[in-house]
């Protein structure tokens, strides 16, 4: 058992009270990141998820699409991917990819392009270099990371970034125990009510344009050719770190009001 977790268990009732208090604080907090959202003129809107993943990931993508589509403001639709070889982004949608990206430290990343305050395209990359190992080659780890990275592409941030905290029952919460079985706690494999409520808040207003199309009127085309999103050195400046001291969010300014944000979850 993890040493930190044993200490929490040892201090008994006091720990339970503190944990409940911490849970309430985190669960009531906003976890939108900067108000970034897909521009659209009505709700619910449909966001395409490009399927560039192998067979072992297909059921995880289907489950992720289903879970996020429970939201009252958005639906996701799995469509054939357009970037199987290099996972290049496509205007108006999110490309989801897996590959053995190498021992570069990251387990999964979500890269999101924005123009002004509007999301224009995104990619999710899942690193099979780690998912092919005994620790991460589980349904729970695959579902947790897939769900979280796709959730970022809607404009959601993490609910909590301390891996050793008690699970909040959402994939938007960092954890070392995604199934919840190891430490007898809630599963972090799927969204929770607070995620859906946050989406309601993010998408409470309408826009005069939409960024959900392949060709986006009134928005300059994103610069993608010179960005290698697999390489941490290309992610831009670190704008936030998690409790373990590692970066969790990067921002790269592309000029002309355009930016690319990269959310990262690191392997141990």
Protein backbone atom coordinates (compact mmCIF):
# COMPACT_ATOMS: atom_id res chain seq x y z
CA UNK A 1 0.00 0.00 0.00
CA UNK A 2 1.20 3.53 -0.76
CA UNK A 3 2.90 5.05 2.32
CA UNK A 4 1.00 8.33 2.08
CA UNK A 5 -2.29 6.47 1.91
CA UNK A 6 -1.42 4.39 5.01
CA UNK A 7 -0.78 7.59 6.93
CA UNK A 8 -4.17 8.96 5.89
CA UNK A 9 -5.87 5.75 7.02
CA UNK A 10 -4.03 5.77 10.37
CA UNK A 11 -5.25 9.14 11.51
CA UNK A 12 -8.81 7.85 11.27
CA UNK A 13 -11.80 10.03 11.98
CA UNK A 14 -9.89 13.31 11.66
CA UNK A 15 -8.74 12.31 8.19
CA UNK A 16 -12.28 11.43 7.18
CA UNK A 17 -13.57 14.82 8.30
CA UNK A 18 -10.78 16.64 6.49
CA UNK A 19 -11.26 14.54 3.36
CA UNK A 20 -14.98 15.26 3.25
CA UNK A 21 -14.25 18.97 3.67
CA UNK A 22 -11.64 18.90 0.90
CA UNK A 23 -14.00 16.96 -1.36
CA UNK A 24 -16.74 19.54 -0.89
CA UNK A 25 -14.33 22.38 -1.67
CA UNK A 26 -12.98 20.78 -4.85
CA UNK A 27 -16.36 19.54 -6.06
CA UNK A 28 -17.88 23.02 -5.81
CA UNK A 29 -15.00 24.76 -7.60
CA UNK A 30 -15.04 25.89 -11.22
CA UNK A 31 -12.97 23.75 -13.56
CA UNK A 32 -13.35 25.61 -16.81
CA UNK A 33 -9.99 26.66 -18.26
CA UNK A 34 -10.10 30.32 -19.13
CA UNK A 35 -13.60 30.23 -20.58
CA UNK A 36 -12.40 28.64 -23.84
CA UNK A 37 -15.21 26.90 -25.70
CA UNK A 38 -16.40 25.82 -29.12
CA UNK A 39 -18.34 28.61 -30.84
CA UNK A 40 -21.85 27.52 -31.83
CA UNK A 41 -25.26 29.08 -32.34
CA UNK A 42 -27.45 26.55 -30.49
CA UNK A 43 -27.43 23.75 -27.92
CA UNK A 44 -26.99 20.86 -27.89
CA UNK A 45 -24.16 20.98 -30.41
CA UNK A 46 -22.41 17.99 -31.97
CA UNK A 47 -18.63 17.62 -31.87
CA UNK A 48 -16.97 15.06 -34.12
CA UNK A 49 -14.36 12.73 -32.64
CA UNK A 50 -12.08 11.41 -35.37
CA UNK A 51 -11.31 7.73 -34.78
CA UNK A 52 -7.61 7.17 -35.47
CA UNK A 53 -7.18 4.55 -32.74
CA UNK A 54 -6.43 0.85 -32.93
CA UNK A 55 -8.84 -1.92 -32.01
CA UNK A 56 -7.70 -2.10 -28.37
CA UNK A 57 -8.81 1.53 -27.91
CA UNK A 58 -12.09 1.41 -29.85
CA UNK A 59 -14.28 0.38 -26.91
CA UNK A 60 -12.69 3.08 -24.76
CA UNK A 61 -13.47 5.73 -27.38
CA UNK A 62 -17.06 4.50 -27.67
CA UNK A 63 -17.51 4.61 -23.89
CA UNK A 64 -15.97 8.09 -23.71
CA UNK A 65 -18.23 9.40 -26.47
CA UNK A 66 -21.30 7.93 -24.77
CA UNK A 67 -20.41 9.27 -21.33
CA UNK A 68 -19.73 12.83 -22.45
CA UNK A 69 -22.85 12.87 -24.64
CA UNK A 70 -24.97 12.52 -21.50
CA UNK A 71 -24.39 16.27 -21.19
CA UNK A 72 -27.44 18.38 -21.99
CA UNK A 73 -25.40 20.85 -24.06
CA UNK A 74 -23.24 18.64 -26.28
CA UNK A 75 -23.22 15.38 -28.19
CA UNK A 76 -20.14 13.66 -29.56
CA UNK A 77 -20.16 11.70 -32.79
CA UNK A 78 -17.40 9.22 -33.66
CA UNK A 79 -16.38 9.58 -37.31
CA UNK A 80 -13.53 8.13 -39.40
CA UNK A 81 -10.24 9.77 -38.51
CA UNK A 82 -8.41 11.99 -40.95
CA UNK A 83 -4.91 11.75 -39.48
CA UNK A 84 -4.00 8.14 -38.74
CA UNK A 85 -0.28 8.56 -39.49
CA UNK A 86 0.61 11.79 -37.73
CA UNK A 87 -2.50 12.88 -35.77
CA UNK A 88 -2.59 16.33 -37.35
CA UNK A 89 -5.55 18.42 -36.21
CA UNK A 90 -8.58 19.03 -38.39
CA UNK A 91 -10.65 22.22 -38.23
CA UNK A 92 -13.93 21.91 -36.38
CA UNK A 93 -13.30 18.55 -34.70
CA UNK A 94 -11.07 16.48 -32.42
CA UNK A 95 -8.75 13.77 -33.74
CA UNK A 96 -8.13 10.92 -31.27
CA UNK A 97 -4.97 8.86 -31.82
CA UNK A 98 -2.80 6.19 -30.25
CA UNK A 99 0.78 5.23 -31.04
CA UNK A 100 4.03 4.17 -29.38
CA UNK A 101 5.24 7.75 -28.99
CA UNK A 102 8.32 6.67 -27.02
CA UNK A 103 9.69 7.00 -23.50
CA UNK A 104 9.09 10.74 -23.38
CA UNK A 105 7.39 10.73 -19.99
CA UNK A 106 3.80 11.47 -20.98
CA UNK A 107 0.93 9.02 -20.83
CA UNK A 108 -1.63 11.15 -22.64
CA UNK A 109 -1.92 14.68 -24.01
CA UNK A 110 -4.71 16.88 -25.30
CA UNK A 111 -3.69 19.70 -27.65
CA UNK A 112 -6.30 22.39 -28.22
CA UNK A 113 -6.05 25.24 -30.73
CA UNK A 114 -7.91 28.43 -29.91
CA UNK A 115 -8.59 31.67 -31.76
CA UNK A 116 -9.56 34.41 -29.35
CA UNK A 117 -11.72 32.62 -26.80
CA UNK A 118 -12.95 29.95 -29.19
CA UNK A 119 -11.66 26.41 -29.61
CA UNK A 120 -11.13 25.61 -33.30
CA UNK A 121 -9.64 22.11 -33.30
CA UNK A 122 -7.99 19.55 -31.06
CA UNK A 123 -6.08 16.31 -30.84
CA UNK A 124 -5.84 13.60 -28.19
CA UNK A 125 -2.76 11.36 -28.16
CA UNK A 126 -2.43 8.19 -26.09
CA UNK A 127 1.08 6.84 -25.63
CA UNK A 128 1.16 3.07 -26.11
CA UNK A 129 4.80 2.97 -25.03
CA UNK A 130 3.35 3.10 -21.51
CA UNK A 131 -0.08 1.58 -22.11
CA UNK A 132 1.63 -1.59 -23.33
CA UNK A 133 3.25 -2.04 -19.91
CA UNK A 134 1.71 -4.10 -17.10
CA UNK A 135 0.86 -1.08 -14.94
CA UNK A 136 -1.10 0.88 -17.53
CA UNK A 137 -2.47 -1.90 -19.74
CA UNK A 138 -5.79 -2.03 -17.91
CA UNK A 139 -9.31 -1.00 -18.83
CA UNK A 140 -9.40 1.48 -15.95
CA UNK A 141 -6.20 3.32 -16.90
CA UNK A 142 -7.14 3.45 -20.58
CA UNK A 143 -10.66 4.70 -19.82
CA UNK A 144 -9.49 7.28 -17.28
CA UNK A 145 -6.90 8.87 -19.58
CA UNK A 146 -9.09 8.75 -22.71
CA UNK A 147 -12.03 10.33 -20.86
CA UNK A 148 -9.88 13.07 -19.31
CA UNK A 149 -8.05 14.11 -22.47
CA UNK A 150 -11.26 14.24 -24.51
CA UNK A 151 -12.87 16.24 -21.70
CA UNK A 152 -10.16 18.88 -22.00
CA UNK A 153 -11.11 19.46 -25.64
CA UNK A 154 -14.53 20.72 -24.51
CA UNK A 155 -13.01 23.43 -22.29
CA UNK A 156 -12.85 21.46 -19.04
CA UNK A 157 -9.92 21.59 -16.64
CA UNK A 158 -9.03 19.13 -13.87
CA UNK A 159 -11.16 19.04 -10.74
CA UNK A 160 -8.13 18.07 -8.64
CA UNK A 161 -4.42 17.61 -9.44
CA UNK A 162 -3.20 15.76 -6.34
CA UNK A 163 -2.73 12.11 -7.26
CA UNK A 164 -2.95 10.82 -3.67
CA UNK A 165 -6.22 12.57 -2.74
CA UNK A 166 -9.33 10.43 -2.44
CA UNK A 167 -10.96 9.94 -5.84
CA UNK A 168 -13.73 12.40 -6.69
CA UNK A 169 -15.49 9.92 -8.97
CA UNK A 170 -14.59 11.75 -12.18
CA UNK A 171 -12.04 11.26 -14.93
CA UNK A 172 -11.17 14.96 -14.57
CA UNK A 173 -9.45 14.18 -11.25
CA UNK A 174 -5.81 13.02 -11.11
CA UNK A 175 -5.41 9.61 -9.48
CA UNK A 176 -3.05 6.69 -8.98
CA UNK A 177 -6.06 4.37 -8.67
CA UNK A 178 -8.46 5.00 -11.57
CA UNK A 179 -10.62 1.93 -10.90
CA UNK A 180 -10.91 2.78 -7.19
CA UNK A 181 -10.39 -0.89 -6.32
CA UNK A 182 -6.87 -0.51 -4.94
CA UNK A 183 -7.87 1.85 -2.12
CA UNK A 184 -11.62 1.15 -1.93
CA UNK A 185 -12.69 4.52 -3.33
CA UNK A 186 -14.86 5.80 -6.22
CA UNK A 187 -13.88 5.01 -9.80
CA UNK A 188 -12.37 7.88 -11.81
CA UNK A 189 -13.13 6.36 -15.21
CA UNK A 190 -16.05 8.57 -16.21
CA UNK A 191 -17.43 12.12 -15.85
CA UNK A 192 -19.49 13.07 -12.81
CA UNK A 193 -22.38 15.46 -12.23
CA UNK A 194 -20.06 18.40 -11.56
CA UNK A 195 -18.49 17.94 -15.01
CA UNK A 196 -21.90 18.10 -16.67
CA UNK A 197 -22.86 21.14 -14.58
CA UNK A 198 -19.61 22.85 -15.60
CA UNK A 199 -20.37 22.19 -19.27
CA UNK A 200 -23.81 23.76 -18.75
CA UNK A 201 -22.07 26.88 -17.41
CA UNK A 202 -19.41 27.03 -20.13
CA UNK A 203 -22.00 26.71 -22.89
CA UNK A 204 -24.77 28.81 -21.32
CA UNK A 205 -24.40 31.55 -23.95
CA UNK A 206 -24.54 31.35 -27.74
CA UNK A 207 -22.15 32.74 -30.36
CA UNK A 208 -22.74 34.48 -33.66
CA UNK A 209 -20.37 32.08 -35.44
CA UNK A 210 -19.50 28.39 -35.24
CA UNK A 211 -16.07 26.78 -35.05
CA UNK A 212 -17.51 23.30 -35.59
CA UNK A 213 -17.03 23.34 -39.36
CA UNK A 214 -14.11 22.23 -41.52
CA UNK A 215 -13.91 25.75 -42.93
CA UNK A 216 -14.47 28.36 -40.25
CA UNK A 217 -15.79 31.71 -41.42
CA UNK A 218 -14.19 34.75 -39.79
CA UNK A 219 -11.43 32.76 -38.09
CA UNK A 220 -7.87 32.66 -39.40
CA UNK A 221 -6.63 29.14 -40.18
CA UNK A 222 -4.56 27.65 -37.39
CA UNK A 223 -0.82 27.19 -37.85
CA UNK A 224 -0.06 23.50 -37.41
CA UNK A 225 2.73 22.56 -39.81
CA UNK A 226 5.53 23.82 -37.55
CA UNK A 227 4.28 22.26 -34.29
CA UNK A 228 5.33 18.79 -33.14
CA UNK A 229 2.82 18.19 -30.34
CA UNK A 230 4.51 14.92 -29.38
CA UNK A 231 7.59 16.82 -28.25
CA UNK A 232 7.36 18.58 -24.85
CA UNK A 233 9.82 21.22 -26.05
CA UNK A 234 7.19 22.35 -28.59
CA UNK A 235 4.41 22.87 -26.05
CA UNK A 236 5.39 26.40 -25.08
CA UNK A 237 5.54 27.89 -21.61
CA UNK A 238 4.34 26.07 -18.52
CA UNK A 239 1.33 27.89 -17.12
CA UNK A 240 0.46 25.41 -14.38
CA UNK A 241 2.05 22.58 -12.43
CA UNK A 242 0.35 19.82 -10.46
CA UNK A 243 1.08 19.04 -6.83
CA UNK A 244 3.95 16.70 -7.75
CA UNK A 245 5.82 19.60 -9.36
CA UNK A 246 5.36 18.44 -12.94
CA UNK A 247 3.68 20.55 -15.61
CA UNK A 248 -0.01 19.94 -16.27
CA UNK A 249 -0.80 22.72 -18.76
CA UNK A 250 1.29 24.49 -21.40
CA UNK A 251 0.52 27.44 -23.68
CA UNK A 252 2.14 28.33 -26.98
CA UNK A 253 1.33 31.69 -28.55
CA UNK A 254 1.06 31.43 -32.34
CA UNK A 255 0.39 35.13 -32.93
CA UNK A 256 -2.66 36.87 -34.39
CA UNK A 257 -4.79 35.85 -31.41
CA UNK A 258 -4.09 32.16 -31.86
CA UNK A 259 -2.76 29.78 -29.22
CA UNK A 260 -2.33 26.07 -28.69
CA UNK A 261 -2.80 24.64 -25.21
CA UNK A 262 -1.43 21.26 -24.17
CA UNK A 263 -2.77 19.33 -21.20
CA UNK A 264 -0.52 16.48 -20.11
CA UNK A 265 -0.78 13.55 -17.75
CA UNK A 266 2.60 12.06 -16.97
CA UNK A 267 3.48 8.41 -16.42
CA UNK A 268 5.14 7.46 -13.14
